[in-house]
């Protein structure tokens, strides 16, 4: 699940390993592609968050809806990914975008998927090789995407779950956004009623690696307050940073939680859905 930098360096020439650069900026479209052009890990392919890692927006399904499984599978296979490939994703902000690719790849049925622990900053700090050369894709046979419906939930399922007290919603956004004090991206501020806040950056060490599994497990178990992980639904603004909390729970051995992919941006697109503010 977590890939060490030295291990990735040792496999850069291994055709069974395929690396994806997921760097992105939610407020500056094209920033990730620019950073990729300026330098990336040798052999890494660029994975655009707004296209490859997202689907078509309808105006009511959030800012980063799930792509069609077959579209995402085709994107991966065009870069040479097969069911036997070790996929490695990285970004420069602690894994939030890399975790989105990690989750999507698991969603369509891939088993060998990892996130580069510490990402681009740690790679550069270690003096490991960097290039501006764009790799020539070696397409593989189209992946037979087999999406798992058990890994995510719809807005209707979230609403039903909180009304019946059958799920715990965990909001990965910054505390001030959760409380509704500011909202830089979406038209309505606040959070889903009953949701608890777990800012995804809480999971990170200063060098942007994930904190020890035992520490994360203790903190998540306190947040869950006796609920099983399978009742946990992760959300954020648009289904991106929620994947970072989901990754952290899996790393901590708390498996089975789900993603609300539409997240807050989808939730507030329907004015009949309830909104809460404050702590």
Protein backbone atom coordinates (compact mmCIF):
# COMPACT_ATOMS: atom_id res chain seq x y z
CA UNK A 1 0.00 0.00 0.00
CA UNK A 2 2.84 2.41 0.87
CA UNK A 3 5.90 2.35 -1.37
CA UNK A 4 9.28 3.42 -0.03
CA UNK A 5 11.37 5.77 -2.19
CA UNK A 6 14.39 3.50 -2.28
CA UNK A 7 12.24 0.56 -3.33
CA UNK A 8 10.74 2.56 -6.18
CA UNK A 9 14.21 3.70 -7.28
CA UNK A 10 15.27 0.06 -7.47
CA UNK A 11 12.32 -0.70 -9.77
CA UNK A 12 12.41 2.30 -12.12
CA UNK A 13 13.54 0.10 -15.02
CA UNK A 14 11.16 -2.72 -14.15
CA UNK A 15 8.46 -2.98 -16.87
CA UNK A 16 6.08 -4.53 -14.33
CA UNK A 17 6.09 -1.26 -12.37
CA UNK A 18 4.13 1.72 -13.75
CA UNK A 19 4.35 5.11 -12.01
CA UNK A 20 1.82 7.96 -12.14
CA UNK A 21 2.41 11.61 -11.31
CA UNK A 22 -0.84 12.93 -9.81
CA UNK A 23 0.23 16.45 -8.88
CA UNK A 24 -2.63 18.93 -9.05
CA UNK A 25 -3.89 22.24 -7.72
CA UNK A 26 -7.62 22.59 -7.05
CA UNK A 27 -7.48 26.34 -7.62
CA UNK A 28 -5.08 26.46 -10.59
CA UNK A 29 -6.14 24.30 -13.51
CA UNK A 30 -3.11 23.11 -15.43
CA UNK A 31 -0.67 23.56 -12.56
CA UNK A 32 -0.10 19.83 -12.22
CA UNK A 33 0.74 19.43 -15.91
CA UNK A 34 3.16 22.35 -15.66
CA UNK A 35 4.95 20.81 -12.69
CA UNK A 36 5.16 17.50 -14.53
CA UNK A 37 6.78 19.18 -17.54
CA UNK A 38 9.30 20.90 -15.28
CA UNK A 39 10.44 17.59 -13.80
CA UNK A 40 9.14 14.22 -12.65
CA UNK A 41 10.26 10.76 -11.57
CA UNK A 42 11.83 8.94 -14.54
CA UNK A 43 9.25 6.87 -16.39
CA UNK A 44 6.27 8.45 -14.62
CA UNK A 45 3.13 9.14 -16.64
CA UNK A 46 1.00 12.18 -15.87
CA UNK A 47 -2.47 11.43 -14.47
CA UNK A 48 -4.70 14.54 -14.79
CA UNK A 49 -7.03 14.74 -11.82
CA UNK A 50 -9.74 16.65 -13.69
CA UNK A 51 -9.95 14.16 -16.57
CA UNK A 52 -8.28 10.78 -16.02
CA UNK A 53 -9.24 10.63 -12.33
CA UNK A 54 -12.68 12.21 -12.74
CA UNK A 55 -15.77 11.80 -14.86
CA UNK A 56 -18.12 14.16 -16.66
CA UNK A 57 -19.81 16.80 -14.49
CA UNK A 58 -23.57 17.18 -14.74
CA UNK A 59 -23.95 20.18 -12.45
CA UNK A 60 -25.37 18.02 -9.69
CA UNK A 61 -22.78 15.25 -9.23
CA UNK A 62 -19.94 17.24 -7.66
CA UNK A 63 -16.69 18.78 -8.83
CA UNK A 64 -14.86 15.47 -9.29
CA UNK A 65 -17.40 12.72 -10.01
CA UNK A 66 -16.16 9.20 -10.51
CA UNK A 67 -15.02 8.39 -14.03
CA UNK A 68 -16.73 5.58 -15.86
CA UNK A 69 -14.88 2.40 -14.85
CA UNK A 70 -14.17 1.51 -18.47
CA UNK A 71 -12.72 4.99 -19.14
CA UNK A 72 -10.39 4.81 -16.17
CA UNK A 73 -9.38 1.24 -17.04
CA UNK A 74 -8.63 2.35 -20.60
CA UNK A 75 -6.48 5.24 -19.33
CA UNK A 76 -4.42 2.84 -17.23
CA UNK A 77 -4.05 0.24 -19.95
CA UNK A 78 -2.87 2.91 -22.41
CA UNK A 79 0.05 3.49 -20.02
CA UNK A 80 0.84 -0.22 -19.90
CA UNK A 81 -1.03 -1.30 -16.79
CA UNK A 82 -2.17 -4.91 -16.59
CA UNK A 83 -3.66 -6.86 -13.66
CA UNK A 84 -0.10 -7.96 -12.78
CA UNK A 85 1.35 -4.44 -12.77
CA UNK A 86 2.60 -2.76 -9.62
CA UNK A 87 1.02 0.69 -9.87
CA UNK A 88 2.64 3.53 -7.89
CA UNK A 89 1.05 6.97 -7.55
CA UNK A 90 2.61 10.11 -6.11
CA UNK A 91 1.91 13.81 -5.63
CA UNK A 92 3.52 16.68 -3.71
CA UNK A 93 0.99 17.37 -0.94
CA UNK A 94 0.94 14.30 1.24
CA UNK A 95 -0.90 11.84 -0.96
CA UNK A 96 -4.38 13.28 -1.42
CA UNK A 97 -4.30 13.06 -5.23
CA UNK A 98 -2.21 9.88 -5.30
CA UNK A 99 -4.73 8.30 -2.93
CA UNK A 100 -7.50 9.12 -5.42
CA UNK A 101 -5.71 7.06 -8.10
CA UNK A 102 -5.02 4.34 -5.52
CA UNK A 103 -8.71 4.17 -4.62
CA UNK A 104 -9.90 4.22 -8.24
CA UNK A 105 -7.50 1.43 -9.21
CA UNK A 106 -8.73 -0.74 -6.34
CA UNK A 107 -12.32 0.14 -7.26
CA UNK A 108 -11.95 -1.31 -10.76
CA UNK A 109 -10.35 -4.47 -9.41
CA UNK A 110 -6.57 -3.97 -9.42
CA UNK A 111 -4.70 -5.55 -6.52
CA UNK A 112 -1.14 -4.19 -6.78
CA UNK A 113 -1.50 -0.47 -6.13
CA UNK A 114 0.57 1.72 -3.84
CA UNK A 115 1.19 5.35 -2.91
CA UNK A 116 4.73 6.71 -2.77
CA UNK A 117 5.15 7.55 0.92
CA UNK A 118 6.25 11.17 1.18
CA UNK A 119 5.77 11.70 -2.53
CA UNK A 120 7.67 14.11 -4.73
CA UNK A 121 9.15 16.28 -1.92
CA UNK A 122 10.81 13.32 -0.22
CA UNK A 123 12.02 11.96 -3.56
CA UNK A 124 13.73 15.27 -4.33
CA UNK A 125 15.07 15.67 -0.79
CA UNK A 126 16.75 12.27 -1.11
CA UNK A 127 18.53 13.40 -4.28
CA UNK A 128 16.89 10.69 -6.38
CA UNK A 129 16.76 11.01 -10.19
CA UNK A 130 14.48 13.51 -11.89
CA UNK A 131 13.79 14.00 -15.58
CA UNK A 132 11.79 16.15 -18.00
CA UNK A 133 11.62 13.31 -20.54
CA UNK A 134 8.08 12.11 -21.19
CA UNK A 135 7.97 8.31 -21.43
CA UNK A 136 6.60 6.67 -24.54
CA UNK A 137 3.50 4.70 -23.50
CA UNK A 138 3.52 0.96 -24.08
CA UNK A 139 -0.20 0.17 -24.24
CA UNK A 140 -1.39 -3.08 -22.76
CA UNK A 141 -4.59 -4.97 -23.55
CA UNK A 142 -7.61 -3.04 -22.33
CA UNK A 143 -8.32 -3.77 -18.70
CA UNK A 144 -11.58 -5.51 -17.96
CA UNK A 145 -12.79 -3.09 -15.28
CA UNK A 146 -14.73 -4.87 -12.56
CA UNK A 147 -15.93 -2.06 -10.28
CA UNK A 148 -16.92 -2.90 -6.75
CA UNK A 149 -20.14 -1.29 -5.60
CA UNK A 150 -19.15 -2.04 -2.01
CA UNK A 151 -16.42 0.61 -1.93
CA UNK A 152 -18.56 3.74 -2.34
CA UNK A 153 -21.97 5.17 -1.52
CA UNK A 154 -24.39 7.61 -3.11
CA UNK A 155 -25.83 10.79 -1.63
CA UNK A 156 -29.13 8.99 -1.05
CA UNK A 157 -27.35 6.23 0.84
CA UNK A 158 -25.52 8.78 2.98
CA UNK A 159 -28.73 10.58 3.83
CA UNK A 160 -30.49 7.34 4.67
CA UNK A 161 -27.51 6.18 6.73
CA UNK A 162 -27.35 9.30 8.90
CA UNK A 163 -31.14 9.40 9.37
CA UNK A 164 -31.07 5.80 10.55
CA UNK A 165 -27.80 6.28 12.52
CA UNK A 166 -26.31 3.46 10.49
CA UNK A 167 -23.17 5.23 9.28
CA UNK A 168 -20.52 7.62 10.50
CA UNK A 169 -19.55 10.32 8.02
CA UNK A 170 -15.92 11.50 8.33
CA UNK A 171 -15.18 14.87 6.72
CA UNK A 172 -11.56 15.27 5.55
CA UNK A 173 -11.68 19.04 4.96
CA UNK A 174 -9.88 21.68 7.01
CA UNK A 175 -11.66 22.45 10.31
CA UNK A 176 -12.69 25.96 9.28
CA UNK A 177 -14.39 24.61 6.16
CA UNK A 178 -16.08 21.85 8.16
CA UNK A 179 -17.43 24.42 10.63
CA UNK A 180 -18.72 26.57 7.77
CA UNK A 181 -16.59 29.60 8.61
CA UNK A 182 -15.11 29.75 5.09
CA UNK A 183 -15.86 28.02 1.80
CA UNK A 184 -13.41 28.78 -1.02
CA UNK A 185 -14.67 26.23 -3.55
CA UNK A 186 -18.35 25.44 -3.13
CA UNK A 187 -21.46 27.69 -3.04
CA UNK A 188 -22.63 26.63 0.43
CA UNK A 189 -20.57 26.45 3.62
CA UNK A 190 -20.97 23.89 6.38
CA UNK A 191 -20.99 20.11 6.65
CA UNK A 192 -23.23 17.06 6.41
CA UNK A 193 -25.23 16.72 9.65
CA UNK A 194 -23.67 14.30 12.19
CA UNK A 195 -20.36 14.24 10.25
CA UNK A 196 -17.17 14.28 12.29
CA UNK A 197 -14.10 16.17 11.18
CA UNK A 198 -10.74 14.48 10.54
CA UNK A 199 -8.53 16.86 8.55
CA UNK A 200 -6.51 14.61 6.25
CA UNK A 201 -3.25 16.43 7.05
CA UNK A 202 -3.56 15.12 10.62
CA UNK A 203 -2.42 11.76 9.22
CA UNK A 204 0.96 13.10 8.09
CA UNK A 205 4.43 13.50 9.51
CA UNK A 206 6.25 16.81 8.81
CA UNK A 207 7.94 15.18 5.77
CA UNK A 208 4.49 14.27 4.35
CA UNK A 209 4.89 10.55 5.01
CA UNK A 210 2.04 8.77 6.75
CA UNK A 211 2.33 8.55 10.51
CA UNK A 212 2.83 5.13 12.16
CA UNK A 213 -0.06 2.74 11.74
CA UNK A 214 -0.49 2.23 15.50
CA UNK A 215 -0.89 5.98 16.12
CA UNK A 216 -3.42 6.35 13.31
CA UNK A 217 -5.36 3.31 14.49
CA UNK A 218 -5.65 4.69 18.01
CA UNK A 219 -6.90 8.07 16.77
CA UNK A 220 -9.35 6.64 14.26
CA UNK A 221 -10.74 4.20 16.83
CA UNK A 222 -11.34 7.13 19.15
CA UNK A 223 -13.15 8.94 16.32
CA UNK A 224 -15.21 5.86 15.46
CA UNK A 225 -16.24 5.41 19.10
CA UNK A 226 -16.99 1.73 18.73
CA UNK A 227 -18.40 1.74 15.22
CA UNK A 228 -16.95 -0.86 12.84
CA UNK A 229 -14.90 0.52 9.91
CA UNK A 230 -17.50 -0.81 7.46
CA UNK A 231 -19.96 1.82 8.74
CA UNK A 232 -17.56 4.70 8.02
CA UNK A 233 -18.19 6.92 4.99
CA UNK A 234 -15.43 9.31 3.96
CA UNK A 235 -16.16 12.63 2.29
CA UNK A 236 -14.49 15.97 1.63
CA UNK A 237 -15.19 18.73 -0.88
CA UNK A 238 -15.22 16.62 -4.03
CA UNK A 239 -14.06 13.10 -3.20
CA UNK A 240 -10.30 13.74 -3.37
CA UNK A 241 -8.92 14.27 0.15
CA UNK A 242 -11.47 11.79 1.47
CA UNK A 243 -9.36 9.12 -0.24
CA UNK A 244 -6.40 10.20 1.91
CA UNK A 245 -8.36 9.43 5.09
CA UNK A 246 -9.50 6.14 3.60
CA UNK A 247 -5.88 5.25 2.79
CA UNK A 248 -4.83 6.15 6.34
CA UNK A 249 -7.50 3.89 7.83
CA UNK A 250 -6.44 1.02 5.59
CA UNK A 251 -2.81 1.63 6.55
CA UNK A 252 -3.91 1.47 10.20
CA UNK A 253 -5.55 -1.90 9.64
CA UNK A 254 -9.09 -0.52 9.80
CA UNK A 255 -10.39 -1.92 6.54
CA UNK A 256 -13.73 -1.69 4.80
CA UNK A 257 -14.68 2.00 5.00
CA UNK A 258 -16.36 3.62 2.00
CA UNK A 259 -16.08 6.75 -0.13
CA UNK A 260 -18.89 9.22 -0.74
CA UNK A 261 -17.47 10.25 -4.09
CA UNK A 262 -19.73 13.25 -4.73
CA UNK A 263 -18.93 14.67 -1.29
CA UNK A 264 -19.84 18.19 -0.20
CA UNK A 265 -19.93 19.67 -3.72
CA UNK A 266 -22.59 17.14 -4.73
CA UNK A 267 -24.43 17.30 -1.39
CA UNK A 268 -25.09 21.05 -1.62
CA UNK A 269 -26.14 20.88 -5.28
CA UNK A 270 -29.54 19.74 -3.98
CA UNK A 271 -31.03 22.42 -1.68
CA UNK A 272 -33.29 19.86 0.00
CA UNK A 273 -30.31 18.14 1.62
CA UNK A 274 -29.69 19.31 5.19
CA UNK A 275 -26.63 21.39 6.12
CA UNK A 276 -25.03 21.82 9.54
CA UNK A 277 -22.59 24.49 10.77
CA UNK A 278 -20.35 24.85 13.77
CA UNK A 279 -18.26 22.27 15.56
